[in-house]
Amino acid sequence: MTNENMLEVVGLLVGYTEPYGDSSIDEVRYKNQEKIICLLENGIEDLIHNAEYKNRSEYSISKIGNRAYEALKSLKCSIEEIL
């Protein structure tokens, strides 16, 4: 499955999250946002764990660790811009 297809499937499973201004619609969107938060927290935990492998001598292991580390650094910058 391509990344684009995966994002499309996740979007269909989660649904809209942007506030609408109607309390009944926004309650559904709040619950959808909670689904995204769950996915992100789980994914970030995985990245944190994998980043610990960035200095391993085995190429395939360090490749995964370095990519996780770089992704976390990028996420940190994005988060710092909004907070």
C-alpha atoms as a PDB file:
ATOM      1  CA  MET A   1       0.000   0.000   0.000  1.00  0.00           C
ATOM      2  CA  THR A   2       1.374   3.411  -0.910  1.00  0.00           C
ATOM      3  CA  ASN A   3       1.631   6.203   1.637  1.00  0.00           C
ATOM      4  CA  GLU A   4      -1.063   8.119  -0.231  1.00  0.00           C
ATOM      5  CA  ASN A   5      -3.448   5.149  -0.098  1.00  0.00           C
ATOM      6  CA  MET A   6      -2.715   4.605   3.574  1.00  0.00           C
ATOM      7  CA  LEU A   7      -3.471   8.270   4.377  1.00  0.00           C
ATOM      8  CA  GLU A   8      -6.679   8.061   2.372  1.00  0.00           C
ATOM      9  CA  VAL A   9      -7.799   4.955   4.279  1.00  0.00           C
ATOM     10  CA  VAL A  10      -6.954   6.529   7.646  1.00  0.00           C
ATOM     11  CA  GLY A  11      -8.842   9.672   6.636  1.00  0.00           C
ATOM     12  CA  LEU A  12     -11.890   7.593   5.754  1.00  0.00           C
ATOM     13  CA  LEU A  13     -11.661   5.644   9.020  1.00  0.00           C
ATOM     14  CA  VAL A  14     -11.174   8.736  11.195  1.00  0.00           C
ATOM     15  CA  GLY A  15     -13.424  11.255   9.470  1.00  0.00           C
ATOM     16  CA  TYR A  16     -13.437  15.040   9.599  1.00  0.00           C
ATOM     17  CA  THR A  17     -11.879  16.827  12.583  1.00  0.00           C
ATOM     18  CA  GLU A  18     -12.078  20.527  11.730  1.00  0.00           C
ATOM     19  CA  PRO A  19     -14.600  22.360  13.946  1.00  0.00           C
ATOM     20  CA  TYR A  20     -17.839  23.231  12.158  1.00  0.00           C
ATOM     21  CA  GLY A  21     -19.743  25.390  14.650  1.00  0.00           C
ATOM     22  CA  ASP A  22     -22.658  23.061  15.278  1.00  0.00           C
ATOM     23  CA  SER A  23     -22.451  21.259  18.623  1.00  0.00           C
ATOM     24  CA  SER A  24     -23.719  17.896  17.358  1.00  0.00           C
ATOM     25  CA  ILE A  25     -21.338  17.907  14.383  1.00  0.00           C
ATOM     26  CA  ASP A  26     -18.449  19.157  16.517  1.00  0.00           C
ATOM     27  CA  GLU A  27     -19.010  16.349  19.048  1.00  0.00           C
ATOM     28  CA  VAL A  28     -18.419  13.800  16.276  1.00  0.00           C
ATOM     29  CA  ARG A  29     -15.380  15.742  15.080  1.00  0.00           C
ATOM     30  CA  TYR A  30     -14.021  15.857  18.628  1.00  0.00           C
ATOM     31  CA  LYS A  31     -14.277  12.072  18.806  1.00  0.00           C
ATOM     32  CA  ASN A  32     -12.553  11.836  15.423  1.00  0.00           C
ATOM     33  CA  GLN A  33      -9.755  14.049  16.745  1.00  0.00           C
ATOM     34  CA  GLU A  34      -9.358  11.671  19.687  1.00  0.00           C
ATOM     35  CA  LYS A  35      -8.752   8.874  17.173  1.00  0.00           C
ATOM     36  CA  ILE A  36      -5.961  10.921  15.567  1.00  0.00           C
ATOM     37  CA  ILE A  37      -4.436  11.638  18.979  1.00  0.00           C
ATOM     38  CA  CYS A  38      -4.404   7.911  19.757  1.00  0.00           C
ATOM     39  CA  LEU A  39      -2.730   7.115  16.429  1.00  0.00           C
ATOM     40  CA  LEU A  40      -0.147   9.860  16.867  1.00  0.00           C
ATOM     41  CA  GLU A  41       0.732   8.967  20.447  1.00  0.00           C
ATOM     42  CA  ASN A  42       1.239   5.351  19.439  1.00  0.00           C
ATOM     43  CA  GLY A  43       3.301   6.309  16.393  1.00  0.00           C
ATOM     44  CA  ILE A  44       5.457   8.756  18.348  1.00  0.00           C
ATOM     45  CA  GLU A  45       6.128   6.112  20.996  1.00  0.00           C
ATOM     46  CA  ASP A  46       7.296   3.787  18.209  1.00  0.00           C
ATOM     47  CA  LEU A  47       9.556   6.502  16.774  1.00  0.00           C
ATOM     48  CA  ILE A  48      11.055   7.250  20.188  1.00  0.00           C
ATOM     49  CA  HIS A  49      11.799   3.567  20.688  1.00  0.00           C
ATOM     50  CA  ASN A  50      13.295   3.176  17.203  1.00  0.00           C
ATOM     51  CA  ALA A  51      15.377   6.363  17.500  1.00  0.00           C
ATOM     52  CA  GLU A  52      17.349   4.611  20.235  1.00  0.00           C
ATOM     53  CA  TYR A  53      18.886   2.455  17.482  1.00  0.00           C
ATOM     54  CA  LYS A  54      20.399   5.364  15.514  1.00  0.00           C
ATOM     55  CA  ASN A  55      23.951   4.664  16.677  1.00  0.00           C
ATOM     56  CA  ARG A  56      23.951   0.914  16.084  1.00  0.00           C
ATOM     57  CA  SER A  57      26.705  -0.459  13.895  1.00  0.00           C
ATOM     58  CA  GLU A  58      24.376  -2.595  11.758  1.00  0.00           C
ATOM     59  CA  TYR A  59      23.381  -0.501   8.738  1.00  0.00           C
ATOM     60  CA  SER A  60      19.766  -1.637   8.496  1.00  0.00           C
ATOM     61  CA  ILE A  61      19.180  -1.032  12.207  1.00  0.00           C
ATOM     62  CA  SER A  62      20.844   2.389  12.258  1.00  0.00           C
ATOM     63  CA  LYS A  63      18.936   3.362   9.105  1.00  0.00           C
ATOM     64  CA  ILE A  64      15.645   2.805  10.930  1.00  0.00           C
ATOM     65  CA  GLY A  65      16.946   4.565  14.045  1.00  0.00           C
ATOM     66  CA  ASN A  66      18.232   7.570  12.124  1.00  0.00           C
ATOM     67  CA  ARG A  67      15.018   7.962  10.144  1.00  0.00           C
ATOM     68  CA  ALA A  68      12.968   7.833  13.354  1.00  0.00           C
ATOM     69  CA  TYR A  69      15.298  10.389  14.962  1.00  0.00           C
ATOM     70  CA  GLU A  70      15.029  12.763  11.984  1.00  0.00           C
ATOM     71  CA  ALA A  71      11.244  12.415  11.932  1.00  0.00           C
ATOM     72  CA  LEU A  72      11.087  13.259  15.640  1.00  0.00           C
ATOM     73  CA  LYS A  73      13.284  16.325  15.123  1.00  0.00           C
ATOM     74  CA  SER A  74      11.003  17.496  12.317  1.00  0.00           C
ATOM     75  CA  LEU A  75       7.903  16.944  14.439  1.00  0.00           C
ATOM     76  CA  LYS A  76       9.525  18.866  17.300  1.00  0.00           C
ATOM     77  CA  CYS A  77      10.134  21.877  15.030  1.00  0.00           C
ATOM     78  CA  SER A  78       6.550  21.787  13.752  1.00  0.00           C
ATOM     79  CA  ILE A  79       5.170  21.571  17.279  1.00  0.00           C
ATOM     80  CA  GLU A  80       7.391  24.367  18.583  1.00  0.00           C
ATOM     81  CA  GLU A  81       6.078  26.690  15.843  1.00  0.00           C
ATOM     82  CA  ILE A  82       2.512  26.412  17.139  1.00  0.00           C
ATOM     83  CA  LEU A  83       3.098  26.234  20.917  1.00  0.00           C
END
